[in-house]
Amino acid sequence: MSDRSKAFSRRHFLKGTALGLATLPLAGTVLRAPSARADELPRLEEDDPAAQAVDYVHDAADAADHPDYEEGQLCANCQLYTDENGEWGECSVFPGKLVAAQGWCNVWVPVN
């Protein structure tokens, strides 16, 4: 390898490294950015097939006659629910949709 090609390779490596280091803060910001803010997500409708599959209702009182329902079970006190803005929040069962804090479904998991 000639001295000229060594110098070029070293220069190329140093430029690439400097560019990579300069983009790290930007990459971190992009990777941490949520895909959508919770208040921009659509609310889950009770007639949605996914909601019907797990007997989801916006108001837990409507589930009182369901055999799996126990009084006091709400989306708000389920381990799968993330409270984002009080009345509505995200649930890992329904990605990309909001569920009612006062709702219920048969996938309810108690918070440890």
C-alpha atoms as a PDB file:
ATOM      1  CA  MET A   1       0.000   0.000   0.000  1.00  0.00           C
ATOM      2  CA  SER A   2       1.482   3.354  -0.969  1.00  0.00           C
ATOM      3  CA  ASP A   3       1.910   6.287   1.400  1.00  0.00           C
ATOM      4  CA  ARG A   4      -0.694   8.188  -0.569  1.00  0.00           C
ATOM      5  CA  SER A   5      -3.377   5.447  -0.174  1.00  0.00           C
ATOM      6  CA  LYS A   6      -2.559   5.153   3.565  1.00  0.00           C
ATOM      7  CA  ALA A   7      -3.047   8.890   3.978  1.00  0.00           C
ATOM      8  CA  PHE A   8      -6.301   8.758   2.069  1.00  0.00           C
ATOM      9  CA  SER A   9      -7.595   5.848   4.139  1.00  0.00           C
ATOM     10  CA  ARG A  10      -6.644   7.571   7.400  1.00  0.00           C
ATOM     11  CA  ARG A  11      -8.256  10.833   6.250  1.00  0.00           C
ATOM     12  CA  HIS A  12     -11.387   8.968   5.133  1.00  0.00           C
ATOM     13  CA  PHE A  13     -11.589   7.161   8.478  1.00  0.00           C
ATOM     14  CA  LEU A  14     -11.182  10.399  10.481  1.00  0.00           C
ATOM     15  CA  LYS A  15     -13.843  12.212   8.458  1.00  0.00           C
ATOM     16  CA  GLY A  16     -16.267   9.304   8.842  1.00  0.00           C
ATOM     17  CA  THR A  17     -15.648   9.120  12.576  1.00  0.00           C
ATOM     18  CA  ALA A  18     -16.156  12.867  13.017  1.00  0.00           C
ATOM     19  CA  LEU A  19     -19.390  12.746  11.034  1.00  0.00           C
ATOM     20  CA  GLY A  20     -20.628   9.755  13.026  1.00  0.00           C
ATOM     21  CA  LEU A  21     -19.893  11.451  16.346  1.00  0.00           C
ATOM     22  CA  ALA A  22     -21.609  14.635  15.194  1.00  0.00           C
ATOM     23  CA  THR A  23     -24.828  12.740  14.367  1.00  0.00           C
ATOM     24  CA  LEU A  24     -25.085  10.823  17.671  1.00  0.00           C
ATOM     25  CA  PRO A  25     -27.105  13.476  19.545  1.00  0.00           C
ATOM     26  CA  LEU A  26     -29.549  13.745  16.644  1.00  0.00           C
ATOM     27  CA  ALA A  27     -29.918   9.967  16.410  1.00  0.00           C
ATOM     28  CA  GLY A  28     -30.681   9.769  20.136  1.00  0.00           C
ATOM     29  CA  THR A  29     -33.404  12.377  19.805  1.00  0.00           C
ATOM     30  CA  VAL A  30     -35.005  10.608  16.863  1.00  0.00           C
ATOM     31  CA  LEU A  31     -34.930   7.205  18.559  1.00  0.00           C
ATOM     32  CA  ARG A  32     -36.530   8.540  21.752  1.00  0.00           C
ATOM     33  CA  ALA A  33     -39.300  10.423  19.971  1.00  0.00           C
ATOM     34  CA  PRO A  34     -42.673   8.697  20.420  1.00  0.00           C
ATOM     35  CA  SER A  35     -44.408   7.598  17.238  1.00  0.00           C
ATOM     36  CA  ALA A  36     -47.504   9.567  18.160  1.00  0.00           C
ATOM     37  CA  ARG A  37     -48.586  11.567  21.150  1.00  0.00           C
ATOM     38  CA  ALA A  38     -51.315   9.894  23.170  1.00  0.00           C
ATOM     39  CA  ASP A  39     -53.738  12.770  22.662  1.00  0.00           C
ATOM     40  CA  GLU A  40     -53.400  12.271  18.897  1.00  0.00           C
ATOM     41  CA  LEU A  41     -54.327   8.581  18.997  1.00  0.00           C
ATOM     42  CA  PRO A  42     -57.858   7.506  18.102  1.00  0.00           C
ATOM     43  CA  ARG A  43     -60.162   6.162  20.798  1.00  0.00           C
ATOM     44  CA  LEU A  44     -60.986   2.483  20.655  1.00  0.00           C
ATOM     45  CA  GLU A  45     -64.583   1.905  19.648  1.00  0.00           C
ATOM     46  CA  GLU A  46     -66.586  -0.834  21.350  1.00  0.00           C
ATOM     47  CA  ASP A  47     -67.602  -2.227  17.953  1.00  0.00           C
ATOM     48  CA  ASP A  48     -63.954  -2.619  16.882  1.00  0.00           C
ATOM     49  CA  PRO A  49     -63.287  -6.348  16.265  1.00  0.00           C
ATOM     50  CA  ALA A  50     -60.287  -6.290  18.633  1.00  0.00           C
ATOM     51  CA  ALA A  51     -62.450  -4.732  21.358  1.00  0.00           C
ATOM     52  CA  GLN A  52     -65.200  -7.268  20.817  1.00  0.00           C
ATOM     53  CA  ALA A  53     -62.709 -10.136  21.002  1.00  0.00           C
ATOM     54  CA  VAL A  54     -61.910  -9.253  24.628  1.00  0.00           C
ATOM     55  CA  ASP A  55     -65.372  -7.888  25.588  1.00  0.00           C
ATOM     56  CA  TYR A  56     -64.065  -4.317  25.982  1.00  0.00           C
ATOM     57  CA  VAL A  57     -66.542  -1.676  27.198  1.00  0.00           C
ATOM     58  CA  HIS A  58     -65.983   2.036  27.836  1.00  0.00           C
ATOM     59  CA  ASP A  59     -67.804   1.824  31.179  1.00  0.00           C
ATOM     60  CA  ALA A  60     -66.987  -1.082  33.516  1.00  0.00           C
ATOM     61  CA  ALA A  61     -70.575  -0.944  34.867  1.00  0.00           C
ATOM     62  CA  ASP A  62     -71.658  -2.316  31.481  1.00  0.00           C
ATOM     63  CA  ALA A  63     -69.587  -5.453  32.183  1.00  0.00           C
ATOM     64  CA  ALA A  64     -71.320  -6.231  35.488  1.00  0.00           C
ATOM     65  CA  ASP A  65     -73.043  -9.305  34.008  1.00  0.00           C
ATOM     66  CA  HIS A  66     -69.820 -10.662  32.425  1.00  0.00           C
ATOM     67  CA  PRO A  67     -68.634 -13.834  34.230  1.00  0.00           C
ATOM     68  CA  ASP A  68     -65.004 -12.638  34.402  1.00  0.00           C
ATOM     69  CA  TYR A  69     -65.798  -9.166  35.737  1.00  0.00           C
ATOM     70  CA  GLU A  70     -65.251  -8.373  39.414  1.00  0.00           C
ATOM     71  CA  GLU A  71     -66.358  -5.096  40.922  1.00  0.00           C
ATOM     72  CA  GLY A  72     -63.553  -2.543  41.050  1.00  0.00           C
ATOM     73  CA  GLN A  73     -61.761  -3.770  37.937  1.00  0.00           C
ATOM     74  CA  LEU A  74     -61.094  -0.813  35.627  1.00  0.00           C
ATOM     75  CA  CYS A  75     -58.675  -0.100  32.825  1.00  0.00           C
ATOM     76  CA  ALA A  76     -57.217   2.570  35.117  1.00  0.00           C
ATOM     77  CA  ASN A  77     -56.120  -0.058  37.654  1.00  0.00           C
ATOM     78  CA  CYS A  78     -54.954  -2.643  35.117  1.00  0.00           C
ATOM     79  CA  GLN A  79     -51.268  -3.390  34.686  1.00  0.00           C
ATOM     80  CA  LEU A  80     -51.618  -3.125  30.888  1.00  0.00           C
ATOM     81  CA  TYR A  81     -52.955   0.455  30.990  1.00  0.00           C
ATOM     82  CA  THR A  82     -50.842   3.597  30.747  1.00  0.00           C
ATOM     83  CA  ASP A  83     -52.576   6.755  31.946  1.00  0.00           C
ATOM     84  CA  GLU A  84     -51.699   9.518  29.546  1.00  0.00           C
ATOM     85  CA  ASN A  85     -54.317  12.196  30.031  1.00  0.00           C
ATOM     86  CA  GLY A  86     -56.692  11.126  32.778  1.00  0.00           C
ATOM     87  CA  GLU A  87     -59.875   9.881  31.119  1.00  0.00           C
ATOM     88  CA  TRP A  88     -58.223   7.991  28.264  1.00  0.00           C
ATOM     89  CA  GLY A  89     -54.895   6.180  28.018  1.00  0.00           C
ATOM     90  CA  GLU A  90     -52.955   3.593  26.103  1.00  0.00           C
ATOM     91  CA  CYS A  91     -53.295  -0.149  26.636  1.00  0.00           C
ATOM     92  CA  SER A  92     -50.784  -2.722  25.431  1.00  0.00           C
ATOM     93  CA  VAL A  93     -53.668  -4.914  24.233  1.00  0.00           C
ATOM     94  CA  PHE A  94     -54.755  -2.206  21.760  1.00  0.00           C
ATOM     95  CA  PRO A  95     -51.592  -0.562  20.382  1.00  0.00           C
ATOM     96  CA  GLY A  96     -52.211   2.745  18.658  1.00  0.00           C
ATOM     97  CA  LYS A  97     -55.592   3.316  20.306  1.00  0.00           C
ATOM     98  CA  LEU A  98     -56.790   4.869  23.543  1.00  0.00           C
ATOM     99  CA  VAL A  99     -59.087   3.127  25.999  1.00  0.00           C
ATOM    100  CA  ALA A 100     -61.300   4.666  28.667  1.00  0.00           C
ATOM    101  CA  ALA A 101     -59.845   4.748  32.174  1.00  0.00           C
ATOM    102  CA  GLN A 102     -63.276   3.671  33.453  1.00  0.00           C
ATOM    103  CA  GLY A 103     -63.455   0.856  30.878  1.00  0.00           C
ATOM    104  CA  TRP A 104     -62.928  -2.883  31.251  1.00  0.00           C
ATOM    105  CA  CYS A 105     -62.040  -5.973  29.227  1.00  0.00           C
ATOM    106  CA  ASN A 106     -61.537  -9.634  30.090  1.00  0.00           C
ATOM    107  CA  VAL A 107     -57.747  -9.301  29.784  1.00  0.00           C
ATOM    108  CA  TRP A 108     -57.654  -7.157  32.968  1.00  0.00           C
ATOM    109  CA  VAL A 109     -54.472  -7.786  35.017  1.00  0.00           C
ATOM    110  CA  PRO A 110     -54.092  -6.511  38.594  1.00  0.00           C
ATOM    111  CA  VAL A 111     -51.283  -4.059  39.281  1.00  0.00           C
ATOM    112  CA  ASN A 112     -48.645  -5.669  41.481  1.00  0.00           C
END
